């Protein structure tokens, strides 16, 4: 395969951090949504969080989120914080997994990824 580098879009050091959290749940998706609703505002106030997309696959009873943090340290603090601690202890959740990824900003900008902070 030929080099696919776009001139002016070289891959460099990655600052922003994606966090992907997935888990299985018992009960209905509607009930899970009601239980998670109170978490939305506290998550929105997490230092360093730029945004979160909430995920739901009701048929497979799988849910989670994709988060964009301004840096790896912010993502790590969130993973070690009270909100994730509560998720890990929730009796209706199982198979909890978390992965972090750097992003390739130049290519992400070409494909219109929402990687800039959203005005409050």
Protein backbone atom coordinates (compact mmCIF):
# COMPACT_ATOMS: atom_id res chain seq x y z
CA UNK A 1 0.00 0.00 0.00
CA UNK A 2 1.29 3.45 -0.84
CA UNK A 3 1.88 6.09 1.80
CA UNK A 4 -1.48 7.76 2.40
CA UNK A 5 -0.13 10.87 4.15
CA UNK A 6 -1.95 14.02 3.14
CA UNK A 7 0.51 16.90 2.64
CA UNK A 8 0.27 19.25 5.61
CA UNK A 9 -1.50 16.59 7.69
CA UNK A 10 1.39 14.59 9.12
CA UNK A 11 0.69 12.45 12.14
CA UNK A 12 2.26 14.01 15.22
CA UNK A 13 2.03 13.98 18.97
CA UNK A 14 -1.47 13.35 20.21
CA UNK A 15 -2.79 15.57 23.00
CA UNK A 16 -6.52 14.90 23.22
CA UNK A 17 -7.71 11.54 24.52
CA UNK A 18 -10.68 9.35 23.62
CA UNK A 19 -12.11 7.14 26.35
CA UNK A 20 -14.41 4.29 25.37
CA UNK A 21 -16.41 2.60 28.14
CA UNK A 22 -18.69 -0.36 27.46
CA UNK A 23 -20.71 -2.61 29.75
CA UNK A 24 -23.60 -5.03 29.74
CA UNK A 25 -26.71 -4.32 31.77
CA UNK A 26 -29.63 -6.26 33.20
CA UNK A 27 -33.18 -4.97 33.15
CA UNK A 28 -34.63 -2.67 30.52
CA UNK A 29 -32.83 0.11 28.66
CA UNK A 30 -35.55 2.49 29.82
CA UNK A 31 -34.89 1.64 33.47
CA UNK A 32 -31.14 2.02 32.96
CA UNK A 33 -31.74 5.43 31.38
CA UNK A 34 -33.74 6.55 34.40
CA UNK A 35 -30.97 5.42 36.73
CA UNK A 36 -28.26 7.14 34.68
CA UNK A 37 -30.11 10.44 34.14
CA UNK A 38 -28.74 11.94 37.38
CA UNK A 39 -25.17 11.28 36.16
CA UNK A 40 -25.45 13.49 33.06
CA UNK A 41 -24.89 16.86 34.75
CA UNK A 42 -22.00 15.71 36.98
CA UNK A 43 -20.31 14.12 33.96
CA UNK A 44 -20.78 17.36 32.00
CA UNK A 45 -18.83 19.16 34.75
CA UNK A 46 -15.85 16.75 34.78
CA UNK A 47 -12.64 18.79 34.44
CA UNK A 48 -11.01 18.25 31.06
CA UNK A 49 -14.05 16.59 29.45
CA UNK A 50 -14.89 18.16 26.09
CA UNK A 51 -17.90 15.93 25.34
CA UNK A 52 -19.50 12.53 25.82
CA UNK A 53 -21.71 10.49 23.51
CA UNK A 54 -23.95 8.00 25.32
CA UNK A 55 -24.25 4.55 23.69
CA UNK A 56 -27.09 2.02 23.81
CA UNK A 57 -27.67 -1.33 22.11
CA UNK A 58 -30.88 -2.52 23.72
CA UNK A 59 -30.99 -5.80 21.79
CA UNK A 60 -27.55 -6.86 23.08
CA UNK A 61 -28.07 -5.21 26.48
CA UNK A 62 -24.88 -3.24 26.01
CA UNK A 63 -24.33 0.41 26.79
CA UNK A 64 -21.50 2.82 27.44
CA UNK A 65 -19.99 6.02 26.19
CA UNK A 66 -17.39 7.66 24.03
CA UNK A 67 -15.68 10.62 25.69
CA UNK A 68 -13.23 13.21 24.43
CA UNK A 69 -10.85 14.65 27.03
CA UNK A 70 -8.44 17.52 26.50
CA UNK A 71 -5.52 15.34 27.62
CA UNK A 72 -4.64 11.84 28.88
CA UNK A 73 -4.32 13.02 32.50
CA UNK A 74 -7.94 14.25 32.53
CA UNK A 75 -9.16 10.90 31.18
CA UNK A 76 -7.15 9.04 33.81
CA UNK A 77 -8.49 11.21 36.65
CA UNK A 78 -12.03 10.47 35.45
CA UNK A 79 -11.33 6.73 35.34
CA UNK A 80 -10.03 6.89 38.91
CA UNK A 81 -12.85 9.14 40.17
CA UNK A 82 -16.17 8.77 41.96
CA UNK A 83 -18.39 8.46 38.89
CA UNK A 84 -16.56 5.46 37.47
CA UNK A 85 -16.32 3.97 40.96
CA UNK A 86 -20.14 4.13 41.14
CA UNK A 87 -20.44 2.53 37.69
CA UNK A 88 -18.15 -0.34 38.74
CA UNK A 89 -20.29 -0.96 41.85
CA UNK A 90 -23.67 -0.74 40.09
CA UNK A 91 -25.49 -4.07 40.61
CA UNK A 92 -27.11 -4.07 37.15
CA UNK A 93 -23.83 -3.64 35.24
CA UNK A 94 -21.29 -6.29 34.23
CA UNK A 95 -18.41 -6.82 31.81
CA UNK A 96 -17.26 -3.23 32.25
CA UNK A 97 -14.36 -2.30 30.00
CA UNK A 98 -12.50 0.94 29.42
CA UNK A 99 -10.02 1.77 26.67
CA UNK A 100 -8.19 4.99 25.97
CA UNK A 101 -6.92 6.17 22.61
CA UNK A 102 -5.00 9.13 21.37
CA UNK A 103 -6.49 10.81 18.33
CA UNK A 104 -4.84 11.75 15.07
CA UNK A 105 -6.01 15.35 14.86
CA UNK A 106 -5.03 16.17 11.26
CA UNK A 107 -6.95 13.25 9.76
CA UNK A 108 -9.80 13.68 12.23
CA UNK A 109 -10.20 17.30 11.11
CA UNK A 110 -10.35 16.19 7.46
CA UNK A 111 -13.21 13.82 8.36
CA UNK A 112 -14.99 16.52 10.43
CA UNK A 113 -14.56 14.90 13.85
CA UNK A 114 -15.87 17.14 16.66
CA UNK A 115 -12.51 17.53 18.37
CA UNK A 116 -12.71 21.19 19.33
CA UNK A 117 -14.30 22.28 22.61
CA UNK A 118 -18.02 22.92 22.37
CA UNK A 119 -18.96 26.38 23.65
CA UNK A 120 -20.88 26.23 26.93
